[in-house]
Amino acid sequence: AHLILKKQWKEIFHVRWILFLLIVLVILSPMLSDLFI
């Protein structure tokens, strides 16, 4: 919502958010490994 209101379209689709999600997945890995087991 913030980026849309500011019309910062390039920020919305920036490749850095893929890195962001990968870091989040690493943090979630203990829980995900437990679910897998």
PDB file of all heavy atoms in Angstrom:
ATOM      1  N   ALA A   1       0.836  -1.206   0.000  1.00  0.00           N
ATOM      2  CA  ALA A   1       0.000   0.000   0.000  1.00  0.00           C
ATOM      3  C   ALA A   1       0.866   1.249   0.000  1.00  0.00           C
ATOM      4  O   ALA A   1       0.584   2.225  -0.722  1.00  0.00           O
ATOM      5  CB  ALA A   1      -0.932  -0.017   1.206  1.00  0.00           C
ATOM      6  N   HIS A   2       1.931   1.231   0.807  1.00  0.00           N
ATOM      7  CA  HIS A   2       2.838   2.393   0.871  1.00  0.00           C
ATOM      8  C   HIS A   2       3.494   2.659  -0.488  1.00  0.00           C
ATOM      9  O   HIS A   2       3.523   3.799  -0.964  1.00  0.00           O
ATOM     10  CB  HIS A   2       3.914   2.140   1.929  1.00  0.00           C
ATOM     11  CG  HIS A   2       4.985   3.174   1.964  1.00  0.00           C
ATOM     12  ND1 HIS A   2       4.817   4.430   2.518  1.00  0.00           N
ATOM     13  CD2 HIS A   2       6.285   3.155   1.486  1.00  0.00           C
ATOM     14  CE1 HIS A   2       5.932   5.125   2.392  1.00  0.00           C
ATOM     15  NE2 HIS A   2       6.831   4.369   1.779  1.00  0.00           N
ATOM     16  N   LEU A   3       4.001   1.609  -1.122  1.00  0.00           N
ATOM     17  CA  LEU A   3       4.696   1.779  -2.398  1.00  0.00           C
ATOM     18  C   LEU A   3       3.740   2.181  -3.514  1.00  0.00           C
ATOM     19  O   LEU A   3       4.104   2.977  -4.398  1.00  0.00           O
ATOM     20  CB  LEU A   3       5.414   0.476  -2.772  1.00  0.00           C
ATOM     21  CG  LEU A   3       6.561   0.060  -1.847  1.00  0.00           C
ATOM     22  CD1 LEU A   3       7.149  -1.277  -2.278  1.00  0.00           C
ATOM     23  CD2 LEU A   3       7.650   1.137  -1.799  1.00  0.00           C
ATOM     24  N   ILE A   4       2.521   1.672  -3.470  1.00  0.00           N
ATOM     25  CA  ILE A   4       1.529   2.052  -4.483  1.00  0.00           C
ATOM     26  C   ILE A   4       1.136   3.527  -4.328  1.00  0.00           C
ATOM     27  O   ILE A   4       1.059   4.268  -5.317  1.00  0.00           O
ATOM     28  CB  ILE A   4       0.290   1.143  -4.395  1.00  0.00           C
ATOM     29  CG1 ILE A   4       0.643  -0.269  -4.878  1.00  0.00           C
ATOM     30  CG2 ILE A   4      -0.868   1.710  -5.222  1.00  0.00           C
ATOM     31  CD1 ILE A   4      -0.448  -1.283  -4.635  1.00  0.00           C
ATOM     32  N   LEU A   5       0.902   3.951  -3.091  1.00  0.00           N
ATOM     33  CA  LEU A   5       0.538   5.348  -2.860  1.00  0.00           C
ATOM     34  C   LEU A   5       1.670   6.300  -3.252  1.00  0.00           C
ATOM     35  O   LEU A   5       1.421   7.414  -3.726  1.00  0.00           O
ATOM     36  CB  LEU A   5       0.169   5.553  -1.386  1.00  0.00           C
ATOM     37  CG  LEU A   5      -1.156   4.913  -0.925  1.00  0.00           C
ATOM     38  CD1 LEU A   5      -1.312   5.042   0.585  1.00  0.00           C
ATOM     39  CD2 LEU A   5      -2.334   5.576  -1.637  1.00  0.00           C
ATOM     40  N   LYS A   6       2.902   5.846  -3.062  1.00  0.00           N
ATOM     41  CA  LYS A   6       4.058   6.655  -3.439  1.00  0.00           C
ATOM     42  C   LYS A   6       4.433   6.475  -4.916  1.00  0.00           C
ATOM     43  O   LYS A   6       5.356   7.131  -5.402  1.00  0.00           O
ATOM     44  CB  LYS A   6       5.270   6.285  -2.572  1.00  0.00           C
ATOM     45  CG  LYS A   6       5.100   6.615  -1.099  1.00  0.00           C
ATOM     46  CD  LYS A   6       5.052   8.105  -0.861  1.00  0.00           C
ATOM     47  CE  LYS A   6       5.004   8.424   0.624  1.00  0.00           C
ATOM     48  NZ  LYS A   6       4.966   9.895   0.882  1.00  0.00           N
ATOM     49  N   LYS A   7       3.714   5.571  -5.595  1.00  0.00           N
ATOM     50  CA  LYS A   7       3.952   5.269  -7.015  1.00  0.00           C
ATOM     51  C   LYS A   7       5.392   4.809  -7.266  1.00  0.00           C
ATOM     52  O   LYS A   7       5.998   5.137  -8.287  1.00  0.00           O
ATOM     53  CB  LYS A   7       3.618   6.477  -7.891  1.00  0.00           C
ATOM     54  CG  LYS A   7       2.149   6.884  -7.817  1.00  0.00           C
ATOM     55  CD  LYS A   7       1.838   8.067  -8.722  1.00  0.00           C
ATOM     56  CE  LYS A   7       0.360   8.420  -8.641  1.00  0.00           C
ATOM     57  NZ  LYS A   7       0.008   9.574  -9.520  1.00  0.00           N
ATOM     58  N   GLN A   8       5.905   4.038  -6.324  1.00  0.00           N
ATOM     59  CA  GLN A   8       7.254   3.501  -6.459  1.00  0.00           C
ATOM     60  C   GLN A   8       7.178   2.097  -7.064  1.00  0.00           C
ATOM     61  O   GLN A   8       7.447   1.076  -6.421  1.00  0.00           O
ATOM     62  CB  GLN A   8       7.948   3.474  -5.089  1.00  0.00           C
ATOM     63  CG  GLN A   8       8.158   4.866  -4.498  1.00  0.00           C
ATOM     64  CD  GLN A   8       8.804   4.828  -3.125  1.00  0.00           C
ATOM     65  OE1 GLN A   8       8.642   3.884  -2.369  1.00  0.00           O
ATOM     66  NE2 GLN A   8       9.547   5.870  -2.804  1.00  0.00           N
ATOM     67  N   TRP A   9       6.822   2.038  -8.343  1.00  0.00           N
ATOM     68  CA  TRP A   9       6.553   0.772  -9.008  1.00  0.00           C
ATOM     69  C   TRP A   9       7.806  -0.114  -9.102  1.00  0.00           C
ATOM     70  O   TRP A   9       7.718  -1.340  -8.964  1.00  0.00           O
ATOM     71  CB  TRP A   9       5.987   1.026 -10.405  1.00  0.00           C
ATOM     72  CG  TRP A   9       4.869   2.015 -10.409  1.00  0.00           C
ATOM     73  CD1 TRP A   9       4.861   3.256 -10.967  1.00  0.00           C
ATOM     74  CD2 TRP A   9       3.563   1.861  -9.805  1.00  0.00           C
ATOM     75  NE1 TRP A   9       3.665   3.890 -10.755  1.00  0.00           N
ATOM     76  CE2 TRP A   9       2.847   3.050 -10.044  1.00  0.00           C
ATOM     77  CE3 TRP A   9       2.950   0.832  -9.078  1.00  0.00           C
ATOM     78  CZ2 TRP A   9       1.549   3.229  -9.589  1.00  0.00           C
ATOM     79  CZ3 TRP A   9       1.657   1.016  -8.624  1.00  0.00           C
ATOM     80  CH2 TRP A   9       0.972   2.197  -8.889  1.00  0.00           C
ATOM     81  N   LYS A  10       8.954   0.494  -9.322  1.00  0.00           N
ATOM     82  CA  LYS A  10      10.182  -0.298  -9.426  1.00  0.00           C
ATOM     83  C   LYS A  10      10.513  -1.002  -8.115  1.00  0.00           C
ATOM     84  O   LYS A  10      11.068  -2.117  -8.118  1.00  0.00           O
ATOM     85  CB  LYS A  10      11.351   0.597  -9.853  1.00  0.00           C
ATOM     86  CG  LYS A  10      11.249   1.117 -11.289  1.00  0.00           C
ATOM     87  CD  LYS A  10      12.469   1.939 -11.647  1.00  0.00           C
ATOM     88  CE  LYS A  10      12.387   2.431 -13.090  1.00  0.00           C
ATOM     89  NZ  LYS A  10      13.569   3.249 -13.471  1.00  0.00           N
ATOM     90  N   GLU A  11      10.178  -0.360  -7.006  1.00  0.00           N
ATOM     91  CA  GLU A  11      10.446  -0.972  -5.709  1.00  0.00           C
ATOM     92  C   GLU A  11       9.596  -2.221  -5.496  1.00  0.00           C
ATOM     93  O   GLU A  11      10.037  -3.197  -4.887  1.00  0.00           O
ATOM     94  CB  GLU A  11      10.177   0.032  -4.582  1.00  0.00           C
ATOM     95  CG  GLU A  11      11.184   1.161  -4.485  1.00  0.00           C
ATOM     96  CD  GLU A  11      12.521   0.673  -3.935  1.00  0.00           C
ATOM     97  OE1 GLU A  11      12.614  -0.495  -3.515  1.00  0.00           O
ATOM     98  OE2 GLU A  11      13.472   1.464  -3.923  1.00  0.00           O
ATOM     99  N   ILE A  12       8.366  -2.197  -6.008  1.00  0.00           N
ATOM    100  CA  ILE A  12       7.463  -3.331  -5.806  1.00  0.00           C
ATOM    101  C   ILE A  12       8.020  -4.599  -6.450  1.00  0.00           C
ATOM    102  O   ILE A  12       7.944  -5.691  -5.869  1.00  0.00           O
ATOM    103  CB  ILE A  12       6.068  -3.003  -6.377  1.00  0.00           C
ATOM    104  CG1 ILE A  12       5.426  -1.859  -5.579  1.00  0.00           C
ATOM    105  CG2 ILE A  12       5.168  -4.246  -6.340  1.00  0.00           C
ATOM    106  CD1 ILE A  12       4.086  -1.412  -6.110  1.00  0.00           C
ATOM    107  N   PHE A  13       8.586  -4.461  -7.644  1.00  0.00           N
ATOM    108  CA  PHE A  13       9.040  -5.626  -8.406  1.00  0.00           C
ATOM    109  C   PHE A  13      10.560  -5.807  -8.366  1.00  0.00           C
ATOM    110  O   PHE A  13      11.121  -6.510  -9.196  1.00  0.00           O
ATOM    111  CB  PHE A  13       8.574  -5.505  -9.859  1.00  0.00           C
ATOM    112  CG  PHE A  13       7.083  -5.396 -10.002  1.00  0.00           C
ATOM    113  CD1 PHE A  13       6.484  -4.181 -10.277  1.00  0.00           C
ATOM    114  CD2 PHE A  13       6.282  -6.506  -9.824  1.00  0.00           C
ATOM    115  CE1 PHE A  13       5.108  -4.080 -10.399  1.00  0.00           C
ATOM    116  CE2 PHE A  13       4.910  -6.426  -9.950  1.00  0.00           C
ATOM    117  CZ  PHE A  13       4.312  -5.198 -10.237  1.00  0.00           C
ATOM    118  N   HIS A  14      11.200  -5.165  -7.401  1.00  0.00           N
ATOM    119  CA  HIS A  14      12.665  -5.261  -7.316  1.00  0.00           C
ATOM    120  C   HIS A  14      13.084  -6.672  -6.931  1.00  0.00           C
ATOM    121  O   HIS A  14      12.440  -7.350  -6.110  1.00  0.00           O
ATOM    122  CB  HIS A  14      13.202  -4.259  -6.300  1.00  0.00           C
ATOM    123  CG  HIS A  14      14.648  -3.939  -6.486  1.00  0.00           C
ATOM    124  ND1 HIS A  14      15.656  -4.823  -6.144  1.00  0.00           N
ATOM    125  CD2 HIS A  14      15.270  -2.836  -6.983  1.00  0.00           C
ATOM    126  CE1 HIS A  14      16.828  -4.279  -6.407  1.00  0.00           C
ATOM    127  NE2 HIS A  14      16.624  -3.072  -6.916  1.00  0.00           N
ATOM    128  N   VAL A  15      14.195  -7.139  -7.499  1.00  0.00           N
ATOM    129  CA  VAL A  15      14.678  -8.498  -7.274  1.00  0.00           C
ATOM    130  C   VAL A  15      15.103  -8.729  -5.826  1.00  0.00           C
ATOM    131  O   VAL A  15      15.182  -9.864  -5.366  1.00  0.00           O
ATOM    132  CB  VAL A  15      15.850  -8.796  -8.236  1.00  0.00           C
ATOM    133  CG1 VAL A  15      17.083  -7.980  -7.851  1.00  0.00           C
ATOM    134  CG2 VAL A  15      16.172 -10.284  -8.250  1.00  0.00           C
ATOM    135  N   ARG A  16      15.351  -7.661  -5.071  1.00  0.00           N
ATOM    136  CA  ARG A  16      15.804  -7.830  -3.684  1.00  0.00           C
ATOM    137  C   ARG A  16      14.761  -8.549  -2.824  1.00  0.00           C
ATOM    138  O   ARG A  16      15.115  -9.161  -1.818  1.00  0.00           O
ATOM    139  CB  ARG A  16      16.148  -6.479  -3.049  1.00  0.00           C
ATOM    140  CG  ARG A  16      14.957  -5.616  -2.715  1.00  0.00           C
ATOM    141  CD  ARG A  16      15.326  -4.444  -1.834  1.00  0.00           C
ATOM    142  NE  ARG A  16      16.148  -3.502  -2.515  1.00  0.00           N
ATOM    143  CZ  ARG A  16      15.674  -2.408  -3.137  1.00  0.00           C
ATOM    144  NH1 ARG A  16      14.362  -2.189  -3.173  1.00  0.00           N
ATOM    145  NH2 ARG A  16      16.484  -1.559  -3.717  1.00  0.00           N
ATOM    146  N   TRP A  17      13.489  -8.483  -3.212  1.00  0.00           N
ATOM    147  CA  TRP A  17      12.454  -9.138  -2.405  1.00  0.00           C
ATOM    148  C   TRP A  17      12.570 -10.658  -2.466  1.00  0.00           C
ATOM    149  O   TRP A  17      12.082 -11.355  -1.577  1.00  0.00           O
ATOM    150  CB  TRP A  17      11.069  -8.664  -2.824  1.00  0.00           C
ATOM    151  CG  TRP A  17      10.912  -7.181  -2.690  1.00  0.00           C
ATOM    152  CD1 TRP A  17      10.621  -6.285  -3.674  1.00  0.00           C
ATOM    153  CD2 TRP A  17      11.081  -6.401  -1.486  1.00  0.00           C
ATOM    154  NE1 TRP A  17      10.590  -5.004  -3.173  1.00  0.00           N
ATOM    155  CE2 TRP A  17      10.873  -5.044  -1.843  1.00  0.00           C
ATOM    156  CE3 TRP A  17      11.386  -6.717  -0.166  1.00  0.00           C
ATOM    157  CZ2 TRP A  17      10.957  -4.018  -0.914  1.00  0.00           C
ATOM    158  CZ3 TRP A  17      11.474  -5.683   0.766  1.00  0.00           C
ATOM    159  CH2 TRP A  17      11.267  -4.356   0.389  1.00  0.00           C
ATOM    160  N   ILE A  18      13.218 -11.169  -3.522  1.00  0.00           N
ATOM    161  CA  ILE A  18      13.487 -12.609  -3.570  1.00  0.00           C
ATOM    162  C   ILE A  18      14.476 -12.977  -2.466  1.00  0.00           C
ATOM    163  O   ILE A  18      14.313 -13.979  -1.765  1.00  0.00           O
ATOM    164  CB  ILE A  18      14.031 -13.013  -4.951  1.00  0.00           C
ATOM    165  CG1 ILE A  18      12.975 -12.753  -6.035  1.00  0.00           C
ATOM    166  CG2 ILE A  18      14.465 -14.480  -4.950  1.00  0.00           C
ATOM    167  CD1 ILE A  18      13.445 -13.046  -7.438  1.00  0.00           C
ATOM    168  N   LEU A  19      15.512 -12.158  -2.312  1.00  0.00           N
ATOM    169  CA  LEU A  19      16.467 -12.358  -1.224  1.00  0.00           C
ATOM    170  C   LEU A  19      15.767 -12.260   0.117  1.00  0.00           C
ATOM    171  O   LEU A  19      16.045 -13.039   1.044  1.00  0.00           O
ATOM    172  CB  LEU A  19      17.593 -11.327  -1.318  1.00  0.00           C
ATOM    173  CG  LEU A  19      18.604 -11.310  -0.168  1.00  0.00           C
ATOM    174  CD1 LEU A  19      19.328 -12.656  -0.065  1.00  0.00           C
ATOM    175  CD2 LEU A  19      19.600 -10.173  -0.344  1.00  0.00           C
ATOM    176  N   PHE A  20      14.870 -11.314   0.238  1.00  0.00           N
ATOM    177  CA  PHE A  20      14.097 -11.120   1.470  1.00  0.00           C
ATOM    178  C   PHE A  20      13.357 -12.408   1.832  1.00  0.00           C
ATOM    179  O   PHE A  20      13.426 -12.883   2.976  1.00  0.00           O
ATOM    180  CB  PHE A  20      13.107  -9.975   1.266  1.00  0.00           C
ATOM    181  CG  PHE A  20      12.359  -9.559   2.498  1.00  0.00           C
ATOM    182  CD1 PHE A  20      12.843  -8.564   3.326  1.00  0.00           C
ATOM    183  CD2 PHE A  20      11.149 -10.153   2.827  1.00  0.00           C
ATOM    184  CE1 PHE A  20      12.152  -8.170   4.460  1.00  0.00           C
ATOM    185  CE2 PHE A  20      10.446  -9.782   3.961  1.00  0.00           C
ATOM    186  CZ  PHE A  20      10.952  -8.783   4.774  1.00  0.00           C
ATOM    187  N   LEU A  21      12.676 -13.001   0.850  1.00  0.00           N
ATOM    188  CA  LEU A  21      11.917 -14.228   1.090  1.00  0.00           C
ATOM    189  C   LEU A  21      12.830 -15.405   1.425  1.00  0.00           C
ATOM    190  O   LEU A  21      12.479 -16.262   2.242  1.00  0.00           O
ATOM    191  CB  LEU A  21      11.052 -14.555  -0.127  1.00  0.00           C
ATOM    192  CG  LEU A  21       9.907 -13.581  -0.405  1.00  0.00           C
ATOM    193  CD1 LEU A  21       9.201 -13.952  -1.699  1.00  0.00           C
ATOM    194  CD2 LEU A  21       8.916 -13.556   0.752  1.00  0.00           C
ATOM    195  N   LEU A  22      14.007 -15.448   0.805  1.00  0.00           N
ATOM    196  CA  LEU A  22      14.954 -16.525   1.095  1.00  0.00           C
ATOM    197  C   LEU A  22      15.437 -16.442   2.541  1.00  0.00           C
ATOM    198  O   LEU A  22      15.570 -17.473   3.222  1.00  0.00           O
ATOM    199  CB  LEU A  22      16.135 -16.462   0.132  1.00  0.00           C
ATOM    200  CG  LEU A  22      15.845 -16.865  -1.319  1.00  0.00           C
ATOM    201  CD1 LEU A  22      17.081 -16.638  -2.194  1.00  0.00           C
ATOM    202  CD2 LEU A  22      15.388 -18.321  -1.399  1.00  0.00           C
ATOM    203  N   ILE A  23      15.695 -15.225   3.017  1.00  0.00           N
ATOM    204  CA  ILE A  23      16.115 -15.052   4.414  1.00  0.00           C
ATOM    205  C   ILE A  23      14.999 -15.497   5.354  1.00  0.00           C
ATOM    206  O   ILE A  23      15.240 -16.170   6.364  1.00  0.00           O
ATOM    207  CB  ILE A  23      16.506 -13.589   4.684  1.00  0.00           C
ATOM    208  CG1 ILE A  23      17.716 -13.194   3.836  1.00  0.00           C
ATOM    209  CG2 ILE A  23      16.800 -13.377   6.171  1.00  0.00           C
ATOM    210  CD1 ILE A  23      18.054 -11.721   3.891  1.00  0.00           C
ATOM    211  N   VAL A  24      13.766 -15.127   5.011  1.00  0.00           N
ATOM    212  CA  VAL A  24      12.617 -15.535   5.819  1.00  0.00           C
ATOM    213  C   VAL A  24      12.517 -17.061   5.874  1.00  0.00           C
ATOM    214  O   VAL A  24      12.264 -17.648   6.935  1.00  0.00           O
ATOM    215  CB  VAL A  24      11.316 -14.924   5.262  1.00  0.00           C
ATOM    216  CG1 VAL A  24      10.093 -15.529   5.960  1.00  0.00           C
ATOM    217  CG2 VAL A  24      11.323 -13.413   5.445  1.00  0.00           C
ATOM    218  N   LEU A  25      12.731 -17.722   4.737  1.00  0.00           N
ATOM    219  CA  LEU A  25      12.670 -19.189   4.698  1.00  0.00           C
ATOM    220  C   LEU A  25      13.749 -19.819   5.581  1.00  0.00           C
ATOM    221  O   LEU A  25      13.507 -20.838   6.241  1.00  0.00           O
ATOM    222  CB  LEU A  25      12.820 -19.683   3.258  1.00  0.00           C
ATOM    223  CG  LEU A  25      11.577 -19.564   2.375  1.00  0.00           C
ATOM    224  CD1 LEU A  25      11.907 -19.969   0.940  1.00  0.00           C
ATOM    225  CD2 LEU A  25      10.437 -20.417   2.917  1.00  0.00           C
ATOM    226  N   VAL A  26      14.939 -19.219   5.595  1.00  0.00           N
ATOM    227  CA  VAL A  26      16.011 -19.726   6.465  1.00  0.00           C
ATOM    228  C   VAL A  26      15.581 -19.630   7.929  1.00  0.00           C
ATOM    229  O   VAL A  26      15.803 -20.564   8.719  1.00  0.00           O
ATOM    230  CB  VAL A  26      17.310 -18.946   6.222  1.00  0.00           C
ATOM    231  CG1 VAL A  26      18.350 -19.302   7.277  1.00  0.00           C
ATOM    232  CG2 VAL A  26      17.852 -19.242   4.834  1.00  0.00           C
ATOM    233  N   ILE A  27      14.962 -18.529   8.299  1.00  0.00           N
ATOM    234  CA  ILE A  27      14.505 -18.345   9.681  1.00  0.00           C
ATOM    235  C   ILE A  27      13.407 -19.353  10.024  1.00  0.00           C
ATOM    236  O   ILE A  27      13.329 -19.855  11.149  1.00  0.00           O
ATOM    237  CB  ILE A  27      14.009 -16.900   9.887  1.00  0.00           C
ATOM    238  CG1 ILE A  27      15.175 -15.918   9.692  1.00  0.00           C
ATOM    239  CG2 ILE A  27      13.388 -16.724  11.270  1.00  0.00           C
ATOM    240  CD1 ILE A  27      14.749 -14.479   9.590  1.00  0.00           C
ATOM    241  N   LEU A  28      12.581 -19.675   9.037  1.00  0.00           N
ATOM    242  CA  LEU A  28      11.487 -20.621   9.248  1.00  0.00           C
ATOM    243  C   LEU A  28      11.941 -22.083   9.205  1.00  0.00           C
ATOM    244  O   LEU A  28      11.159 -22.979   9.530  1.00  0.00           O
ATOM    245  CB  LEU A  28      10.398 -20.420   8.189  1.00  0.00           C
ATOM    246  CG  LEU A  28       9.625 -19.099   8.214  1.00  0.00           C
ATOM    247  CD1 LEU A  28       8.661 -19.047   7.044  1.00  0.00           C
ATOM    248  CD2 LEU A  28       8.872 -18.929   9.524  1.00  0.00           C
ATOM    249  N   SER A  29      13.175 -22.325   8.786  1.00  0.00           N
ATOM    250  CA  SER A  29      13.635 -23.692   8.531  1.00  0.00           C
ATOM    251  C   SER A  29      13.474 -24.642   9.732  1.00  0.00           C
ATOM    252  O   SER A  29      13.131 -25.815   9.530  1.00  0.00           O
ATOM    253  CB  SER A  29      15.083 -23.691   8.038  1.00  0.00           C
ATOM    254  OG  SER A  29      15.946 -23.085   8.976  1.00  0.00           O
ATOM    255  N   PRO A  30      13.704 -24.217  10.994  1.00  0.00           N
ATOM    256  CA  PRO A  30      13.486 -25.167  12.099  1.00  0.00           C
ATOM    257  C   PRO A  30      12.047 -25.654  12.168  1.00  0.00           C
ATOM    258  O   PRO A  30      11.798 -26.842  12.396  1.00  0.00           O
ATOM    259  CB  PRO A  30      13.873 -24.350  13.342  1.00  0.00           C
ATOM    260  CG  PRO A  30      14.801 -23.307  12.832  1.00  0.00           C
ATOM    261  CD  PRO A  30      14.286 -22.949  11.471  1.00  0.00           C
ATOM    262  N   MET A  31      11.097 -24.731  11.983  1.00  0.00           N
ATOM    263  CA  MET A  31       9.696 -25.120  12.007  1.00  0.00           C
ATOM    264  C   MET A  31       9.344 -25.998  10.808  1.00  0.00           C
ATOM    265  O   MET A  31       8.628 -26.994  10.936  1.00  0.00           O
ATOM    266  CB  MET A  31       8.791 -23.886  12.023  1.00  0.00           C
ATOM    267  CG  MET A  31       7.300 -24.208  12.055  1.00  0.00           C
ATOM    268  SD  MET A  31       6.250 -22.730  12.007  1.00  0.00           S
ATOM    269  CE  MET A  31       6.518 -22.182  10.314  1.00  0.00           C
ATOM    270  N   LEU A  32       9.855 -25.645   9.628  1.00  0.00           N
ATOM    271  CA  LEU A  32       9.554 -26.412   8.424  1.00  0.00           C
ATOM    272  C   LEU A  32      10.140 -27.820   8.493  1.00  0.00           C
ATOM    273  O   LEU A  32       9.520 -28.785   8.039  1.00  0.00           O
ATOM    274  CB  LEU A  32      10.089 -25.674   7.194  1.00  0.00           C
ATOM    275  CG  LEU A  32       9.445 -24.306   6.909  1.00  0.00           C
ATOM    276  CD1 LEU A  32      10.110 -23.655   5.706  1.00  0.00           C
ATOM    277  CD2 LEU A  32       7.950 -24.442   6.684  1.00  0.00           C
ATOM    278  N   SER A  33      11.340 -27.950   9.072  1.00  0.00           N
ATOM    279  CA  SER A  33      11.941 -29.279   9.208  1.00  0.00           C
ATOM    280  C   SER A  33      11.124 -30.137  10.157  1.00  0.00           C
ATOM    281  O   SER A  33      10.946 -31.352   9.927  1.00  0.00           O
ATOM    282  CB  SER A  33      13.382 -29.160   9.706  1.00  0.00           C
ATOM    283  OG  SER A  33      13.427 -28.604  11.011  1.00  0.00           O
ATOM    284  N   ASP A  34      10.602 -29.527  11.225  1.00  0.00           N
ATOM    285  CA  ASP A  34       9.747 -30.267  12.151  1.00  0.00           C
ATOM    286  C   ASP A  34       8.473 -30.746  11.451  1.00  0.00           C
ATOM    287  O   ASP A  34       8.052 -31.900  11.614  1.00  0.00           O
ATOM    288  CB  ASP A  34       9.394 -29.379  13.340  1.00  0.00           C
ATOM    289  CG  ASP A  34       8.409 -30.040  14.283  1.00  0.00           C
ATOM    290  OD1 ASP A  34       8.541 -31.257  14.507  1.00  0.00           O
ATOM    291  OD2 ASP A  34       7.513 -29.350  14.792  1.00  0.00           O
ATOM    292  N   LEU A  35       7.866 -29.874  10.649  1.00  0.00           N
ATOM    293  CA  LEU A  35       6.659 -30.257   9.911  1.00  0.00           C
ATOM    294  C   LEU A  35       6.957 -31.399   8.942  1.00  0.00           C
ATOM    295  O   LEU A  35       6.155 -32.329   8.792  1.00  0.00           O
ATOM    296  CB  LEU A  35       6.106 -29.049   9.149  1.00  0.00           C
ATOM    297  CG  LEU A  35       5.443 -27.961   9.999  1.00  0.00           C
ATOM    298  CD1 LEU A  35       5.055 -26.772   9.130  1.00  0.00           C
ATOM    299  CD2 LEU A  35       4.206 -28.508  10.711  1.00  0.00           C
ATOM    300  N   PHE A  36       8.100 -31.333   8.285  1.00  0.00           N
ATOM    301  CA  PHE A  36       8.483 -32.383   7.333  1.00  0.00           C
ATOM    302  C   PHE A  36       8.633 -33.730   8.053  1.00  0.00           C
ATOM    303  O   PHE A  36       8.154 -34.770   7.561  1.00  0.00           O
ATOM    304  CB  PHE A  36       9.787 -31.995   6.640  1.00  0.00           C
ATOM    305  CG  PHE A  36      10.267 -32.997   5.630  1.00  0.00           C
ATOM    306  CD1 PHE A  36       9.606 -33.149   4.418  1.00  0.00           C
ATOM    307  CD2 PHE A  36      11.376 -33.793   5.894  1.00  0.00           C
ATOM    308  CE1 PHE A  36      10.038 -34.088   3.490  1.00  0.00           C
ATOM    309  CE2 PHE A  36      11.827 -34.720   4.966  1.00  0.00           C
ATOM    310  CZ  PHE A  36      11.151 -34.863   3.763  1.00  0.00           C
ATOM    311  N   ILE A  37       9.292 -33.715   9.214  1.00  0.00           N
ATOM    312  CA  ILE A  37       9.475 -34.952   9.984  1.00  0.00           C
ATOM    313  C   ILE A  37       8.130 -35.522  10.413  1.00  0.00           C
ATOM    314  O   ILE A  37       7.891 -36.738  10.337  1.00  0.00           O
ATOM    315  CB  ILE A  37      10.365 -34.680  11.210  1.00  0.00           C
ATOM    316  CG1 ILE A  37      11.799 -34.362  10.766  1.00  0.00           C
ATOM    317  CG2 ILE A  37      10.351 -35.876  12.168  1.00  0.00           C
ATOM    318  CD1 ILE A  37      12.686 -33.877  11.885  1.00  0.00           C
TER     319      ILE A  37
END
